[in-house]
Amino acid sequence: MSEGVFRAVLRMEIRPGTGAEFERTWAEIARSISARPANLGQWLLRESGGADVYYVLTDWTDEAGFREFELSEPHVRNRELLGRYRRAGSMETMTLVRRAAP
């Protein structure tokens, strides 16, 4: 990852007992998002000790590429699919300034 990468971080609280279904649905959706030229990768993380709280980190070549996806019909469908599981959520966006690699 290099400077200038645009990152979106989504926090999702899901309905109790739907974790396995949520994870399967996310994995299916992630494959189609990963095929977009501006997408650099995605990660699904579950909060430690909070089985019903997930984070999605997704990196993009730039903000314009992310915003194009965010406004697309496929993204609307993805939100609908994941919306069945979500109780609450939020999103933060940021641009990578520096990275310290090992």
C-alpha atoms as a PDB file:
ATOM      1  CA  MET A   1       0.000   0.000   0.000  1.00  0.00           C
ATOM      2  CA  SER A   2       1.372   3.399  -0.883  1.00  0.00           C
ATOM      3  CA  GLU A   3       0.609   6.990   0.050  1.00  0.00           C
ATOM      4  CA  GLY A   4      -2.625   8.355  -1.361  1.00  0.00           C
ATOM      5  CA  VAL A   5      -4.661   5.175  -0.945  1.00  0.00           C
ATOM      6  CA  PHE A   6      -8.273   5.920   0.005  1.00  0.00           C
ATOM      7  CA  ARG A   7      -9.755   3.755   2.773  1.00  0.00           C
ATOM      8  CA  ALA A   8     -13.334   3.294   3.898  1.00  0.00           C
ATOM      9  CA  VAL A   9     -13.934   1.747   7.318  1.00  0.00           C
ATOM     10  CA  LEU A  10     -17.443   0.504   8.011  1.00  0.00           C
ATOM     11  CA  ARG A  11     -18.629  -0.503  11.461  1.00  0.00           C
ATOM     12  CA  MET A  12     -21.670  -2.767  11.490  1.00  0.00           C
ATOM     13  CA  GLU A  13     -23.677  -4.037  14.406  1.00  0.00           C
ATOM     14  CA  ILE A  14     -25.563  -7.083  13.208  1.00  0.00           C
ATOM     15  CA  ARG A  15     -28.633  -8.834  14.543  1.00  0.00           C
ATOM     16  CA  PRO A  16     -27.779 -11.485  17.151  1.00  0.00           C
ATOM     17  CA  GLY A  17     -27.483 -14.991  15.743  1.00  0.00           C
ATOM     18  CA  THR A  18     -26.882 -13.912  12.123  1.00  0.00           C
ATOM     19  CA  GLY A  19     -23.071 -13.856  12.140  1.00  0.00           C
ATOM     20  CA  ALA A  20     -22.502 -16.914   9.935  1.00  0.00           C
ATOM     21  CA  GLU A  21     -25.046 -15.759   7.332  1.00  0.00           C
ATOM     22  CA  PHE A  22     -23.647 -12.225   7.415  1.00  0.00           C
ATOM     23  CA  GLU A  23     -20.099 -13.506   6.851  1.00  0.00           C
ATOM     24  CA  ARG A  24     -21.190 -15.700   3.899  1.00  0.00           C
ATOM     25  CA  THR A  25     -23.116 -12.834   2.304  1.00  0.00           C
ATOM     26  CA  TRP A  26     -20.206 -10.453   2.797  1.00  0.00           C
ATOM     27  CA  ALA A  27     -17.812 -12.934   1.165  1.00  0.00           C
ATOM     28  CA  GLU A  28     -20.053 -13.218  -1.914  1.00  0.00           C
ATOM     29  CA  ILE A  29     -20.341  -9.453  -2.204  1.00  0.00           C
ATOM     30  CA  ALA A  30     -16.615  -8.931  -1.618  1.00  0.00           C
ATOM     31  CA  ARG A  31     -15.747 -10.985  -4.696  1.00  0.00           C
ATOM     32  CA  SER A  32     -17.669  -8.623  -6.966  1.00  0.00           C
ATOM     33  CA  ILE A  33     -16.220  -5.527  -5.300  1.00  0.00           C
ATOM     34  CA  SER A  34     -12.688  -6.903  -5.617  1.00  0.00           C
ATOM     35  CA  ALA A  35     -13.203  -7.154  -9.375  1.00  0.00           C
ATOM     36  CA  ARG A  36     -13.610  -3.376  -9.655  1.00  0.00           C
ATOM     37  CA  PRO A  37     -10.431  -1.813 -11.087  1.00  0.00           C
ATOM     38  CA  ALA A  38     -10.158   0.848  -8.360  1.00  0.00           C
ATOM     39  CA  ASN A  39     -10.487  -1.633  -5.475  1.00  0.00           C
ATOM     40  CA  LEU A  40      -7.230  -2.657  -3.791  1.00  0.00           C
ATOM     41  CA  GLY A  41      -8.632  -5.129  -1.272  1.00  0.00           C
ATOM     42  CA  GLN A  42     -11.038  -5.688   1.575  1.00  0.00           C
ATOM     43  CA  TRP A  43     -10.973  -7.140   5.038  1.00  0.00           C
ATOM     44  CA  LEU A  44     -13.792  -8.316   7.305  1.00  0.00           C
ATOM     45  CA  LEU A  45     -12.992  -8.165  11.011  1.00  0.00           C
ATOM     46  CA  ARG A  46     -15.075  -9.077  14.044  1.00  0.00           C
ATOM     47  CA  GLU A  47     -14.689  -7.106  17.256  1.00  0.00           C
ATOM     48  CA  SER A  48     -13.002  -9.078  20.033  1.00  0.00           C
ATOM     49  CA  GLY A  49     -15.552 -10.020  22.632  1.00  0.00           C
ATOM     50  CA  GLY A  50     -18.307  -8.483  20.519  1.00  0.00           C
ATOM     51  CA  ALA A  51     -19.528 -11.216  18.195  1.00  0.00           C
ATOM     52  CA  ASP A  52     -22.235  -8.930  16.787  1.00  0.00           C
ATOM     53  CA  VAL A  53     -19.908  -6.073  15.759  1.00  0.00           C
ATOM     54  CA  TYR A  54     -17.975  -6.233  12.495  1.00  0.00           C
ATOM     55  CA  TYR A  55     -15.677  -3.873  10.640  1.00  0.00           C
ATOM     56  CA  VAL A  56     -15.085  -3.775   6.909  1.00  0.00           C
ATOM     57  CA  LEU A  57     -11.909  -2.138   5.689  1.00  0.00           C
ATOM     58  CA  THR A  58     -11.716  -1.514   1.974  1.00  0.00           C
ATOM     59  CA  ASP A  59      -8.917   0.224   0.109  1.00  0.00           C
ATOM     60  CA  TRP A  60      -9.217   2.084  -3.177  1.00  0.00           C
ATOM     61  CA  THR A  61      -6.759   3.651  -5.590  1.00  0.00           C
ATOM     62  CA  ASP A  62      -8.335   7.041  -4.897  1.00  0.00           C
ATOM     63  CA  GLU A  63     -11.453   8.710  -3.552  1.00  0.00           C
ATOM     64  CA  ALA A  64     -12.964   9.150  -7.021  1.00  0.00           C
ATOM     65  CA  GLY A  65     -12.862   5.381  -7.610  1.00  0.00           C
ATOM     66  CA  PHE A  66     -14.535   4.737  -4.271  1.00  0.00           C
ATOM     67  CA  ARG A  67     -17.221   7.377  -4.824  1.00  0.00           C
ATOM     68  CA  GLU A  68     -17.992   5.977  -8.273  1.00  0.00           C
ATOM     69  CA  PHE A  69     -18.594   2.584  -6.675  1.00  0.00           C
ATOM     70  CA  GLU A  70     -20.520   4.083  -3.751  1.00  0.00           C
ATOM     71  CA  LEU A  71     -23.043   5.637  -6.149  1.00  0.00           C
ATOM     72  CA  SER A  72     -23.369   2.558  -8.375  1.00  0.00           C
ATOM     73  CA  GLU A  73     -26.351   0.227  -8.684  1.00  0.00           C
ATOM     74  CA  PRO A  74     -24.258  -2.799  -7.557  1.00  0.00           C
ATOM     75  CA  HIS A  75     -23.450  -0.982  -4.310  1.00  0.00           C
ATOM     76  CA  VAL A  76     -27.140  -0.276  -3.698  1.00  0.00           C
ATOM     77  CA  ARG A  77     -27.856  -4.016  -4.097  1.00  0.00           C
ATOM     78  CA  ASN A  78     -24.973  -4.892  -1.774  1.00  0.00           C
ATOM     79  CA  ARG A  79     -26.329  -2.568   0.908  1.00  0.00           C
ATOM     80  CA  GLU A  80     -29.752  -4.175   0.581  1.00  0.00           C
ATOM     81  CA  LEU A  81     -28.285  -7.666   0.971  1.00  0.00           C
ATOM     82  CA  LEU A  82     -26.269  -6.730   4.045  1.00  0.00           C
ATOM     83  CA  GLY A  83     -29.069  -4.567   5.429  1.00  0.00           C
ATOM     84  CA  ARG A  84     -31.017  -7.660   6.453  1.00  0.00           C
ATOM     85  CA  TYR A  85     -28.374  -8.347   9.086  1.00  0.00           C
ATOM     86  CA  ARG A  86     -27.493  -4.831  10.201  1.00  0.00           C
ATOM     87  CA  ARG A  87     -28.937  -3.174  13.320  1.00  0.00           C
ATOM     88  CA  ALA A  88     -26.709  -0.104  13.151  1.00  0.00           C
ATOM     89  CA  GLY A  89     -23.682   1.085  11.290  1.00  0.00           C
ATOM     90  CA  SER A  90     -21.343   3.915  10.479  1.00  0.00           C
ATOM     91  CA  MET A  91     -18.635   4.724   7.956  1.00  0.00           C
ATOM     92  CA  GLU A  92     -15.432   6.717   8.145  1.00  0.00           C
ATOM     93  CA  THR A  93     -13.223   7.526   5.178  1.00  0.00           C
ATOM     94  CA  MET A  94      -9.574   8.498   5.122  1.00  0.00           C
ATOM     95  CA  THR A  95      -6.530   8.875   2.923  1.00  0.00           C
ATOM     96  CA  LEU A  96      -3.302   7.082   3.758  1.00  0.00           C
ATOM     97  CA  VAL A  97      -0.539   9.559   4.533  1.00  0.00           C
ATOM     98  CA  ARG A  98       2.360   7.272   5.415  1.00  0.00           C
ATOM     99  CA  ARG A  99       2.999   3.602   6.021  1.00  0.00           C
ATOM    100  CA  ALA A 100       5.776   2.111   8.143  1.00  0.00           C
ATOM    101  CA  ALA A 101       6.491  -1.351   6.750  1.00  0.00           C
ATOM    102  CA  PRO A 102       8.556  -3.957   8.603  1.00  0.00           C
END
